[in-house]
Amino acid sequence: MKKKILIIVAVLIVVLLSIFGYLVYTDIQQEEKLKIELDELNQLANSENIDMNAINVKLEQTVTKGDYAIVEQSFKEYLKDNFDTTIKIAEILNDERLVNIVTPENYIEDGKEFTKTKEYIASTREELERCKADYSEFFTEEKAMSYINDKGLDSYYTDLYKQELVGDIESGNEDQTVTDSIDDIIEILNISEGVIDFLIANADNWEVEDGTILFSNESLSSQYDQLIEELQ
């Protein structure tokens, strides 16, 4: 009887060890899949010619299972929001209306009250300030971790997310290229607004003829030229 019991116990131990071994092997596979997937995504994001279609395909798919899938989806959600903010910034910076504010064409179209122009300057400046704050926030550990902290995962998975995926994310904020570009555009908007305010204040003393703005006296023309020079 004891011998039978020992055999049964031995069999159970073997089965349990097999199950444990399988689970460990499966976890290793899932973790490796996760690292490969995000490494490929990182390569796409940092390539010289960024293919947003390929990136979006990666962001929408899930290659892992279980808790690893939650880690993967959380990080991809973070990346997607980050990309969306970056794309929004790029769209604003490349908006042709920025360079058309102080042109004779706009003076004719929206002068002399410049209602649409003033609204555009104010809304664009506000949007840029908001985008700059959002962009900088994405390079904080607190922001990155907020995408997974509420998922109820075991500490192993949140630690994996933090150590392997987030890493030293705050070092990414040391590159001021994007925020400097935003500040440059905001400065351009401020100077352009100064030009528009000048034209509004002197609405009765200028006209556009043959694509050129003409003032009623040399003093105003000189003041206008000085304001325009600040944009160059």
C-alpha atoms as a PDB file:
ATOM      1  CA  MET A   1       0.000   0.000   0.000  1.00  0.00           C
ATOM      2  CA  LYS A   2       2.758   2.405   0.964  1.00  0.00           C
ATOM      3  CA  LYS A   3       4.560   1.508  -2.223  1.00  0.00           C
ATOM      4  CA  LYS A   4       1.469   2.396  -4.284  1.00  0.00           C
ATOM      5  CA  ILE A   5       1.113   5.697  -2.456  1.00  0.00           C
ATOM      6  CA  LEU A   6       4.761   6.528  -3.114  1.00  0.00           C
ATOM      7  CA  ILE A   7       4.301   5.754  -6.804  1.00  0.00           C
ATOM      8  CA  ILE A   8       1.217   7.993  -6.986  1.00  0.00           C
ATOM      9  CA  VAL A   9       3.062  10.822  -5.213  1.00  0.00           C
ATOM     10  CA  ALA A  10       6.024  10.408  -7.537  1.00  0.00           C
ATOM     11  CA  VAL A  11       3.750  10.552 -10.568  1.00  0.00           C
ATOM     12  CA  LEU A  12       2.028  13.672  -9.234  1.00  0.00           C
ATOM     13  CA  ILE A  13       5.378  15.334  -8.643  1.00  0.00           C
ATOM     14  CA  VAL A  14       6.471  14.535 -12.194  1.00  0.00           C
ATOM     15  CA  VAL A  15       3.186  15.894 -13.569  1.00  0.00           C
ATOM     16  CA  LEU A  16       3.438  19.068 -11.496  1.00  0.00           C
ATOM     17  CA  LEU A  17       7.052  19.587 -12.515  1.00  0.00           C
ATOM     18  CA  SER A  18       6.066  19.074 -16.149  1.00  0.00           C
ATOM     19  CA  ILE A  19       3.261  21.617 -15.842  1.00  0.00           C
ATOM     20  CA  PHE A  20       5.553  24.073 -14.076  1.00  0.00           C
ATOM     21  CA  GLY A  21       8.231  23.547 -16.699  1.00  0.00           C
ATOM     22  CA  TYR A  22       5.718  24.107 -19.470  1.00  0.00           C
ATOM     23  CA  LEU A  23       4.455  27.305 -17.858  1.00  0.00           C
ATOM     24  CA  VAL A  24       7.990  28.610 -17.404  1.00  0.00           C
ATOM     25  CA  TYR A  25       8.824  27.763 -21.016  1.00  0.00           C
ATOM     26  CA  THR A  26       5.631  29.447 -22.205  1.00  0.00           C
ATOM     27  CA  ASP A  27       6.413  32.563 -20.162  1.00  0.00           C
ATOM     28  CA  ILE A  28       9.910  32.707 -21.626  1.00  0.00           C
ATOM     29  CA  GLN A  29       8.449  32.430 -25.120  1.00  0.00           C
ATOM     30  CA  GLN A  30       5.885  35.166 -24.484  1.00  0.00           C
ATOM     31  CA  GLU A  31       8.498  37.490 -23.003  1.00  0.00           C
ATOM     32  CA  GLU A  32      10.785  36.910 -25.963  1.00  0.00           C
ATOM     33  CA  LYS A  33       7.919  37.618 -28.378  1.00  0.00           C
ATOM     34  CA  LEU A  34       7.188  40.829 -26.527  1.00  0.00           C
ATOM     35  CA  LYS A  35      10.792  42.016 -26.686  1.00  0.00           C
ATOM     36  CA  ILE A  36      11.113  41.163 -30.387  1.00  0.00           C
ATOM     37  CA  GLU A  37       7.829  42.909 -31.228  1.00  0.00           C
ATOM     38  CA  LEU A  38       8.745  46.116 -29.425  1.00  0.00           C
ATOM     39  CA  ASP A  39      12.287  46.054 -30.774  1.00  0.00           C
ATOM     40  CA  GLU A  40      10.867  45.924 -34.307  1.00  0.00           C
ATOM     41  CA  LEU A  41       8.487  48.746 -33.452  1.00  0.00           C
ATOM     42  CA  ASN A  42      11.381  50.793 -32.093  1.00  0.00           C
ATOM     43  CA  GLN A  43      13.349  50.224 -35.296  1.00  0.00           C
ATOM     44  CA  LEU A  44      10.407  51.416 -37.392  1.00  0.00           C
ATOM     45  CA  ALA A  45       9.988  54.534 -35.243  1.00  0.00           C
ATOM     46  CA  ASN A  46      13.670  55.423 -35.490  1.00  0.00           C
ATOM     47  CA  SER A  47      14.205  54.680 -39.179  1.00  0.00           C
ATOM     48  CA  GLU A  48      15.329  57.474 -41.484  1.00  0.00           C
ATOM     49  CA  ASN A  49      12.101  57.302 -43.491  1.00  0.00           C
ATOM     50  CA  ILE A  50       9.316  56.605 -41.024  1.00  0.00           C
ATOM     51  CA  ASP A  51       6.524  54.401 -42.381  1.00  0.00           C
ATOM     52  CA  MET A  52       3.494  55.313 -40.276  1.00  0.00           C
ATOM     53  CA  ASN A  53       1.364  52.639 -41.951  1.00  0.00           C
ATOM     54  CA  ALA A  54       3.790  49.930 -40.817  1.00  0.00           C
ATOM     55  CA  ILE A  55       3.925  51.471 -37.345  1.00  0.00           C
ATOM     56  CA  ASN A  56       0.137  51.589 -37.078  1.00  0.00           C
ATOM     57  CA  VAL A  57      -0.084  47.915 -38.076  1.00  0.00           C
ATOM     58  CA  LYS A  58       2.294  47.080 -35.224  1.00  0.00           C
ATOM     59  CA  LEU A  59       0.403  49.247 -32.753  1.00  0.00           C
ATOM     60  CA  GLU A  60      -2.939  47.626 -33.572  1.00  0.00           C
ATOM     61  CA  GLN A  61      -1.788  44.007 -33.339  1.00  0.00           C
ATOM     62  CA  THR A  62      -1.091  41.896 -30.242  1.00  0.00           C
ATOM     63  CA  VAL A  63       1.433  39.071 -30.606  1.00  0.00           C
ATOM     64  CA  THR A  64       1.522  37.869 -26.984  1.00  0.00           C
ATOM     65  CA  LYS A  65      -1.021  36.262 -24.669  1.00  0.00           C
ATOM     66  CA  GLY A  66      -2.212  36.522 -21.088  1.00  0.00           C
ATOM     67  CA  ASP A  67      -0.555  39.062 -18.825  1.00  0.00           C
ATOM     68  CA  TYR A  68       2.140  39.655 -21.416  1.00  0.00           C
ATOM     69  CA  ALA A  69      -0.570  40.803 -23.813  1.00  0.00           C
ATOM     70  CA  ILE A  70      -1.697  43.365 -21.246  1.00  0.00           C
ATOM     71  CA  VAL A  71       1.897  44.608 -20.940  1.00  0.00           C
ATOM     72  CA  GLU A  72       2.196  44.777 -24.734  1.00  0.00           C
ATOM     73  CA  GLN A  73      -1.127  46.551 -25.226  1.00  0.00           C
ATOM     74  CA  SER A  74      -0.401  49.028 -22.436  1.00  0.00           C
ATOM     75  CA  PHE A  75       2.934  50.040 -23.909  1.00  0.00           C
ATOM     76  CA  LYS A  76       1.518  50.258 -27.429  1.00  0.00           C
ATOM     77  CA  GLU A  77      -1.293  52.455 -26.141  1.00  0.00           C
ATOM     78  CA  TYR A  78       1.332  54.726 -24.609  1.00  0.00           C
ATOM     79  CA  LEU A  79       3.300  54.807 -27.871  1.00  0.00           C
ATOM     80  CA  LYS A  80       0.170  55.499 -29.914  1.00  0.00           C
ATOM     81  CA  ASP A  81      -0.768  58.503 -27.792  1.00  0.00           C
ATOM     82  CA  ASN A  82       2.827  59.717 -28.004  1.00  0.00           C
ATOM     83  CA  PHE A  83       2.842  59.374 -31.797  1.00  0.00           C
ATOM     84  CA  ASP A  84      -0.525  61.129 -32.069  1.00  0.00           C
ATOM     85  CA  THR A  85       0.848  64.124 -30.167  1.00  0.00           C
ATOM     86  CA  THR A  86       3.988  64.214 -32.319  1.00  0.00           C
ATOM     87  CA  ILE A  87       1.945  64.013 -35.520  1.00  0.00           C
ATOM     88  CA  LYS A  88      -0.311  66.823 -34.307  1.00  0.00           C
ATOM     89  CA  ILE A  89       2.757  68.991 -33.673  1.00  0.00           C
ATOM     90  CA  ALA A  90       4.130  68.222 -37.142  1.00  0.00           C
ATOM     91  CA  GLU A  91       0.809  69.130 -38.769  1.00  0.00           C
ATOM     92  CA  ILE A  92       0.770  72.505 -37.028  1.00  0.00           C
ATOM     93  CA  LEU A  93       4.413  73.238 -37.864  1.00  0.00           C
ATOM     94  CA  ASN A  94       3.809  72.406 -41.526  1.00  0.00           C
ATOM     95  CA  ASP A  95       0.578  74.393 -41.836  1.00  0.00           C
ATOM     96  CA  GLU A  96       0.906  76.767 -44.802  1.00  0.00           C
ATOM     97  CA  ARG A  97      -1.201  79.356 -42.991  1.00  0.00           C
ATOM     98  CA  LEU A  98       1.775  80.065 -40.733  1.00  0.00           C
ATOM     99  CA  VAL A  99       3.793  81.560 -43.568  1.00  0.00           C
ATOM    100  CA  ASN A 100       0.789  83.241 -45.187  1.00  0.00           C
ATOM    101  CA  ILE A 101      -0.212  85.414 -42.223  1.00  0.00           C
ATOM    102  CA  VAL A 102       1.906  88.410 -43.267  1.00  0.00           C
ATOM    103  CA  THR A 103       1.353  88.276 -47.010  1.00  0.00           C
ATOM    104  CA  PRO A 104      -0.508  90.696 -49.285  1.00  0.00           C
ATOM    105  CA  GLU A 105      -2.831  87.808 -50.211  1.00  0.00           C
ATOM    106  CA  ASN A 106      -3.961  87.456 -46.599  1.00  0.00           C
ATOM    107  CA  TYR A 107      -4.201  91.239 -46.188  1.00  0.00           C
ATOM    108  CA  ILE A 108      -6.666  91.302 -49.079  1.00  0.00           C
ATOM    109  CA  GLU A 109      -8.591  88.219 -47.996  1.00  0.00           C
ATOM    110  CA  ASP A 110      -8.954  88.944 -44.268  1.00  0.00           C
ATOM    111  CA  GLY A 111      -8.122  92.618 -43.879  1.00  0.00           C
ATOM    112  CA  LYS A 112      -8.656  95.035 -42.484  1.00  0.00           C
ATOM    113  CA  GLU A 113     -10.124  93.661 -39.277  1.00  0.00           C
ATOM    114  CA  PHE A 114      -8.255  90.335 -39.652  1.00  0.00           C
ATOM    115  CA  THR A 115     -10.848  88.454 -37.596  1.00  0.00           C
ATOM    116  CA  LYS A 116      -9.975  85.006 -38.993  1.00  0.00           C
ATOM    117  CA  THR A 117      -6.245  85.667 -38.758  1.00  0.00           C
ATOM    118  CA  LYS A 118      -6.439  86.706 -35.114  1.00  0.00           C
ATOM    119  CA  GLU A 119      -8.522  83.636 -34.293  1.00  0.00           C
ATOM    120  CA  TYR A 120      -6.044  81.382 -36.103  1.00  0.00           C
ATOM    121  CA  ILE A 121      -3.049  82.872 -34.281  1.00  0.00           C
ATOM    122  CA  ALA A 122      -4.689  82.549 -30.869  1.00  0.00           C
ATOM    123  CA  SER A 123      -5.951  78.994 -31.373  1.00  0.00           C
ATOM    124  CA  THR A 124      -2.670  77.780 -32.931  1.00  0.00           C
ATOM    125  CA  ARG A 125      -0.577  79.291 -30.152  1.00  0.00           C
ATOM    126  CA  GLU A 126      -2.821  77.696 -27.519  1.00  0.00           C
ATOM    127  CA  GLU A 127      -2.669  74.326 -29.289  1.00  0.00           C
ATOM    128  CA  LEU A 128       1.128  74.486 -29.553  1.00  0.00           C
ATOM    129  CA  GLU A 129       1.498  75.251 -25.857  1.00  0.00           C
ATOM    130  CA  ARG A 130      -0.759  72.309 -25.043  1.00  0.00           C
ATOM    131  CA  CYS A 131       1.119  69.989 -27.411  1.00  0.00           C
ATOM    132  CA  LYS A 132       4.471  71.046 -25.952  1.00  0.00           C
ATOM    133  CA  ALA A 133       3.277  70.244 -22.433  1.00  0.00           C
ATOM    134  CA  ASP A 134       1.825  66.902 -23.567  1.00  0.00           C
ATOM    135  CA  TYR A 135       4.972  65.994 -25.491  1.00  0.00           C
ATOM    136  CA  SER A 136       7.230  66.702 -22.515  1.00  0.00           C
ATOM    137  CA  GLU A 137       4.923  64.774 -20.179  1.00  0.00           C
ATOM    138  CA  PHE A 138       5.243  61.642 -22.321  1.00  0.00           C
ATOM    139  CA  PHE A 139       8.928  61.524 -21.407  1.00  0.00           C
ATOM    140  CA  THR A 140       8.237  61.113 -17.710  1.00  0.00           C
ATOM    141  CA  GLU A 141       8.144  57.796 -15.888  1.00  0.00           C
ATOM    142  CA  GLU A 142       4.890  58.783 -14.200  1.00  0.00           C
ATOM    143  CA  LYS A 143       3.124  59.241 -17.543  1.00  0.00           C
ATOM    144  CA  ALA A 144       4.508  56.021 -19.029  1.00  0.00           C
ATOM    145  CA  MET A 145       3.594  53.964 -15.963  1.00  0.00           C
ATOM    146  CA  SER A 146       0.066  55.396 -15.850  1.00  0.00           C
ATOM    147  CA  TYR A 147      -0.793  53.152 -18.801  1.00  0.00           C
ATOM    148  CA  ILE A 148      -0.241  49.969 -16.775  1.00  0.00           C
ATOM    149  CA  ASN A 149      -0.560  50.835 -13.093  1.00  0.00           C
ATOM    150  CA  ASP A 150      -4.335  50.353 -13.107  1.00  0.00           C
ATOM    151  CA  LYS A 151      -4.343  46.971 -14.890  1.00  0.00           C
ATOM    152  CA  GLY A 152      -4.130  44.887 -11.714  1.00  0.00           C
ATOM    153  CA  LEU A 153      -1.057  42.970 -12.829  1.00  0.00           C
ATOM    154  CA  ASP A 154       1.427  41.127 -10.645  1.00  0.00           C
ATOM    155  CA  SER A 155       4.476  43.216  -9.793  1.00  0.00           C
ATOM    156  CA  TYR A 156       6.610  41.036 -12.076  1.00  0.00           C
ATOM    157  CA  TYR A 157       4.780  42.362 -15.133  1.00  0.00           C
ATOM    158  CA  THR A 158       4.733  45.984 -14.041  1.00  0.00           C
ATOM    159  CA  ASP A 159       8.445  45.689 -13.265  1.00  0.00           C
ATOM    160  CA  LEU A 160       9.000  44.165 -16.717  1.00  0.00           C
ATOM    161  CA  TYR A 161       7.123  47.074 -18.270  1.00  0.00           C
ATOM    162  CA  LYS A 162       9.151  49.566 -16.257  1.00  0.00           C
ATOM    163  CA  GLN A 163      12.593  48.033 -16.650  1.00  0.00           C
ATOM    164  CA  GLU A 164      12.479  46.592 -20.156  1.00  0.00           C
ATOM    165  CA  LEU A 165      10.049  48.888 -21.950  1.00  0.00           C
ATOM    166  CA  VAL A 166      10.074  52.235 -20.174  1.00  0.00           C
ATOM    167  CA  GLY A 167      13.686  52.155 -19.002  1.00  0.00           C
ATOM    168  CA  ASP A 168      15.309  55.549 -18.582  1.00  0.00           C
ATOM    169  CA  ILE A 169      12.581  57.257 -20.557  1.00  0.00           C
ATOM    170  CA  GLU A 170      13.213  60.671 -19.010  1.00  0.00           C
ATOM    171  CA  SER A 171      16.564  60.860 -20.821  1.00  0.00           C
ATOM    172  CA  GLY A 172      14.552  61.171 -24.040  1.00  0.00           C
ATOM    173  CA  ASN A 173      13.419  64.594 -22.919  1.00  0.00           C
ATOM    174  CA  GLU A 174      16.979  65.881 -23.008  1.00  0.00           C
ATOM    175  CA  ASP A 175      16.668  66.396 -26.758  1.00  0.00           C
ATOM    176  CA  GLN A 176      14.998  69.781 -27.018  1.00  0.00           C
ATOM    177  CA  THR A 177      14.631  69.730 -30.823  1.00  0.00           C
ATOM    178  CA  VAL A 178      10.849  69.395 -30.818  1.00  0.00           C
ATOM    179  CA  THR A 179      10.144  71.792 -27.964  1.00  0.00           C
ATOM    180  CA  ASP A 180      12.620  74.324 -29.411  1.00  0.00           C
ATOM    181  CA  SER A 181      10.845  74.109 -32.764  1.00  0.00           C
ATOM    182  CA  ILE A 182       7.520  74.724 -31.054  1.00  0.00           C
ATOM    183  CA  ASP A 183       8.947  77.749 -29.231  1.00  0.00           C
ATOM    184  CA  ASP A 184      10.283  79.092 -32.541  1.00  0.00           C
ATOM    185  CA  ILE A 185       6.846  78.838 -34.149  1.00  0.00           C
ATOM    186  CA  ILE A 186       5.184  80.458 -31.150  1.00  0.00           C
ATOM    187  CA  GLU A 187       7.657  83.333 -31.477  1.00  0.00           C
ATOM    188  CA  ILE A 188       6.807  83.639 -35.167  1.00  0.00           C
ATOM    189  CA  LEU A 189       3.117  83.733 -34.276  1.00  0.00           C
ATOM    190  CA  ASN A 190       3.735  86.461 -31.703  1.00  0.00           C
ATOM    191  CA  ILE A 191       5.686  88.599 -34.156  1.00  0.00           C
ATOM    192  CA  SER A 192       3.116  88.003 -36.894  1.00  0.00           C
ATOM    193  CA  GLU A 193       0.382  89.051 -34.486  1.00  0.00           C
ATOM    194  CA  GLY A 194       2.312  92.255 -33.860  1.00  0.00           C
ATOM    195  CA  VAL A 195       2.300  92.953 -37.592  1.00  0.00           C
ATOM    196  CA  ILE A 196      -1.421  92.261 -37.847  1.00  0.00           C
ATOM    197  CA  ASP A 197      -2.174  94.465 -34.821  1.00  0.00           C
ATOM    198  CA  PHE A 198      -0.154  97.238 -36.453  1.00  0.00           C
ATOM    199  CA  LEU A 199      -2.195  96.918 -39.640  1.00  0.00           C
ATOM    200  CA  ILE A 200      -5.465  96.926 -37.682  1.00  0.00           C
ATOM    201  CA  ALA A 201      -4.417 100.030 -35.753  1.00  0.00           C
ATOM    202  CA  ASN A 202      -3.541 101.795 -39.006  1.00  0.00           C
ATOM    203  CA  ALA A 203      -6.336 100.376 -41.127  1.00  0.00           C
ATOM    204  CA  ASP A 204      -7.034 103.694 -42.871  1.00  0.00           C
ATOM    205  CA  ASN A 205      -3.419 104.242 -43.851  1.00  0.00           C
ATOM    206  CA  TRP A 206      -2.563 101.274 -46.081  1.00  0.00           C
ATOM    207  CA  GLU A 207      -3.724  99.520 -49.225  1.00  0.00           C
ATOM    208  CA  VAL A 208      -2.552  96.568 -51.294  1.00  0.00           C
ATOM    209  CA  GLU A 209      -1.796  97.401 -54.908  1.00  0.00           C
ATOM    210  CA  ASP A 210      -0.337  94.970 -57.442  1.00  0.00           C
ATOM    211  CA  GLY A 211       0.600  92.529 -54.690  1.00  0.00           C
ATOM    212  CA  THR A 212       2.410  95.129 -52.575  1.00  0.00           C
ATOM    213  CA  ILE A 213       1.310  96.841 -49.375  1.00  0.00           C
ATOM    214  CA  LEU A 214       1.553 100.621 -49.581  1.00  0.00           C
ATOM    215  CA  PHE A 215       1.293 103.072 -46.654  1.00  0.00           C
ATOM    216  CA  SER A 216       0.102 106.648 -46.631  1.00  0.00           C
ATOM    217  CA  ASN A 217       3.410 107.907 -45.204  1.00  0.00           C
ATOM    218  CA  GLU A 218       7.051 106.882 -44.895  1.00  0.00           C
ATOM    219  CA  SER A 219       6.951 106.584 -41.115  1.00  0.00           C
ATOM    220  CA  LEU A 220       4.333 103.850 -41.151  1.00  0.00           C
ATOM    221  CA  SER A 221       6.098 102.072 -43.988  1.00  0.00           C
ATOM    222  CA  SER A 222       9.332 102.111 -41.997  1.00  0.00           C
ATOM    223  CA  GLN A 223       7.605 100.755 -38.870  1.00  0.00           C
ATOM    224  CA  TYR A 224       6.035  97.966 -40.915  1.00  0.00           C
ATOM    225  CA  ASP A 225       9.380  97.035 -42.453  1.00  0.00           C
ATOM    226  CA  GLN A 226      10.969  96.834 -39.000  1.00  0.00           C
ATOM    227  CA  LEU A 227       8.249  94.481 -37.790  1.00  0.00           C
ATOM    228  CA  ILE A 228       8.653  92.258 -40.873  1.00  0.00           C
ATOM    229  CA  GLU A 229      12.437  92.140 -40.374  1.00  0.00           C
ATOM    230  CA  GLU A 230      11.882  90.442 -37.014  1.00  0.00           C
ATOM    231  CA  LEU A 231      10.493  87.459 -38.913  1.00  0.00           C
ATOM    232  CA  GLN A 232      13.624  87.031 -40.996  1.00  0.00           C
END
